[in-house]
């Protein structure tokens, strides 16, 4: 199993970033996907989730209306579009796929929101 995240970086408040997660080694379309984040000194937080088909999405209150989770089961990729970024969105972001007893994590990508 391999999960490769990309798209992180430094952005000014109010800006946008799009995180991507390229997956291989498992049946991508059978797994729900989640994006988590962890800021320094804080616990990991579930940011957004999407069902295996893409038909159901959920968001943390802190990002609702600003972030959009999506997936392309034909390309085995997932994404997190982040708009109207705030300094408090600064964290390492991780994609995660889980089903039953299986739980796969990406290596994380740093997002820094600062002027």
Protein backbone atom coordinates (compact mmCIF):
# COMPACT_ATOMS: atom_id res chain seq x y z
CA UNK A 1 0.00 0.00 0.00
CA UNK A 2 1.25 3.45 -0.90
CA UNK A 3 -0.33 6.83 -0.25
CA UNK A 4 1.45 9.88 -1.64
CA UNK A 5 0.24 13.29 -0.58
CA UNK A 6 1.09 16.53 -2.31
CA UNK A 7 -0.04 20.11 -2.56
CA UNK A 8 0.94 21.50 0.81
CA UNK A 9 2.89 24.69 1.23
CA UNK A 10 2.91 28.23 2.53
CA UNK A 11 -0.09 30.42 1.77
CA UNK A 12 -1.33 33.77 2.99
CA UNK A 13 -4.53 34.04 5.03
CA UNK A 14 -7.51 33.99 2.70
CA UNK A 15 -5.66 31.94 0.14
CA UNK A 16 -6.32 28.47 -1.23
CA UNK A 17 -4.52 25.17 -1.52
CA UNK A 18 -5.49 21.83 -3.01
CA UNK A 19 -4.12 18.70 -1.37
CA UNK A 20 -3.96 15.47 -3.35
CA UNK A 21 -3.57 11.87 -2.25
CA UNK A 22 -2.52 9.26 -4.80
CA UNK A 23 -3.19 5.69 -3.68
CA UNK A 24 -2.05 2.28 -4.80
CA UNK A 25 -1.90 -1.26 -3.48
CA UNK A 26 -5.50 -1.66 -2.33
CA UNK A 27 -9.00 -1.52 -3.78
CA UNK A 28 -9.38 2.24 -3.61
CA UNK A 29 -13.07 2.34 -4.49
CA UNK A 30 -13.97 0.08 -1.54
CA UNK A 31 -12.56 2.37 1.14
CA UNK A 32 -13.86 5.50 2.73
CA UNK A 33 -11.38 8.34 2.78
CA UNK A 34 -10.61 10.86 5.47
CA UNK A 35 -8.37 13.88 5.80
CA UNK A 36 -6.93 14.57 9.25
CA UNK A 37 -4.65 17.30 10.49
CA UNK A 38 -2.34 17.78 13.41
CA UNK A 39 -0.98 21.09 14.57
CA UNK A 40 2.07 21.33 16.86
CA UNK A 41 1.13 20.55 20.43
CA UNK A 42 -2.42 19.59 19.51
CA UNK A 43 -4.26 16.32 19.03
CA UNK A 44 -4.96 15.01 15.58
CA UNK A 45 -8.27 16.30 14.22
CA UNK A 46 -10.58 14.73 11.66
CA UNK A 47 -11.18 17.40 9.03
CA UNK A 48 -13.33 15.73 6.40
CA UNK A 49 -14.54 12.34 5.27
CA UNK A 50 -16.05 10.89 2.11
CA UNK A 51 -17.70 7.53 1.53
CA UNK A 52 -16.26 4.94 -0.84
CA UNK A 53 -18.64 5.98 -3.62
CA UNK A 54 -18.22 9.68 -2.97
CA UNK A 55 -21.89 10.09 -2.27
CA UNK A 56 -21.59 11.06 1.38
CA UNK A 57 -19.32 13.78 2.77
CA UNK A 58 -18.83 15.18 6.23
CA UNK A 59 -16.80 18.08 7.57
CA UNK A 60 -15.56 19.35 10.89
CA UNK A 61 -17.38 22.50 11.96
CA UNK A 62 -14.08 24.38 11.83
CA UNK A 63 -13.76 23.88 8.05
CA UNK A 64 -17.37 23.59 6.90
CA UNK A 65 -18.06 25.89 3.98
CA UNK A 66 -14.35 26.41 3.26
CA UNK A 67 -13.01 22.92 2.53
CA UNK A 68 -14.26 20.41 -0.02
CA UNK A 69 -13.31 16.75 -0.06
CA UNK A 70 -13.48 14.75 -3.28
CA UNK A 71 -12.26 11.55 -4.86
CA UNK A 72 -11.81 10.02 -8.31
CA UNK A 73 -12.20 6.27 -8.10
CA UNK A 74 -11.12 5.86 -11.72
CA UNK A 75 -7.77 7.48 -10.96
CA UNK A 76 -7.32 6.26 -7.37
CA UNK A 77 -6.88 9.78 -6.12
CA UNK A 78 -8.44 11.90 -3.43
CA UNK A 79 -8.31 15.61 -2.81
CA UNK A 80 -9.02 18.30 -0.27
CA UNK A 81 -9.71 21.76 -1.68
CA UNK A 82 -9.06 24.36 0.98
CA UNK A 83 -10.30 27.91 0.50
CA UNK A 84 -10.36 30.97 2.74
CA UNK A 85 -7.47 29.57 4.72
CA UNK A 86 -6.83 30.85 8.22
CA UNK A 87 -3.69 30.76 10.37
CA UNK A 88 -5.42 28.19 12.58
CA UNK A 89 -5.53 25.81 9.60
CA UNK A 90 -1.76 25.47 9.89
CA UNK A 91 -0.98 21.79 10.44
CA UNK A 92 0.32 18.62 8.88
CA UNK A 93 -2.48 17.09 6.81
CA UNK A 94 -2.85 13.35 6.35
CA UNK A 95 -5.04 11.28 4.05
CA UNK A 96 -6.39 8.07 5.51
CA UNK A 97 -8.31 5.12 4.14
CA UNK A 98 -10.06 2.66 6.39
CA UNK A 99 -12.30 -0.35 6.10
CA UNK A 100 -12.89 -3.03 8.68
CA UNK A 101 -9.57 -3.79 10.31
CA UNK A 102 -7.54 -2.08 7.60
CA UNK A 103 -6.25 1.45 8.11
CA UNK A 104 -3.82 3.19 5.75
CA UNK A 105 -2.15 6.56 6.23
CA UNK A 106 -0.18 8.93 4.06
CA UNK A 107 3.09 10.52 5.14
CA UNK A 108 1.54 13.92 5.68
CA UNK A 109 1.95 17.26 3.96
CA UNK A 110 2.63 20.55 5.73
CA UNK A 111 0.21 23.43 5.31
CA UNK A 112 1.28 26.78 6.72
CA UNK A 113 -1.03 29.78 6.64
CA UNK A 114 0.85 32.94 7.45
CA UNK A 115 1.38 36.47 6.20
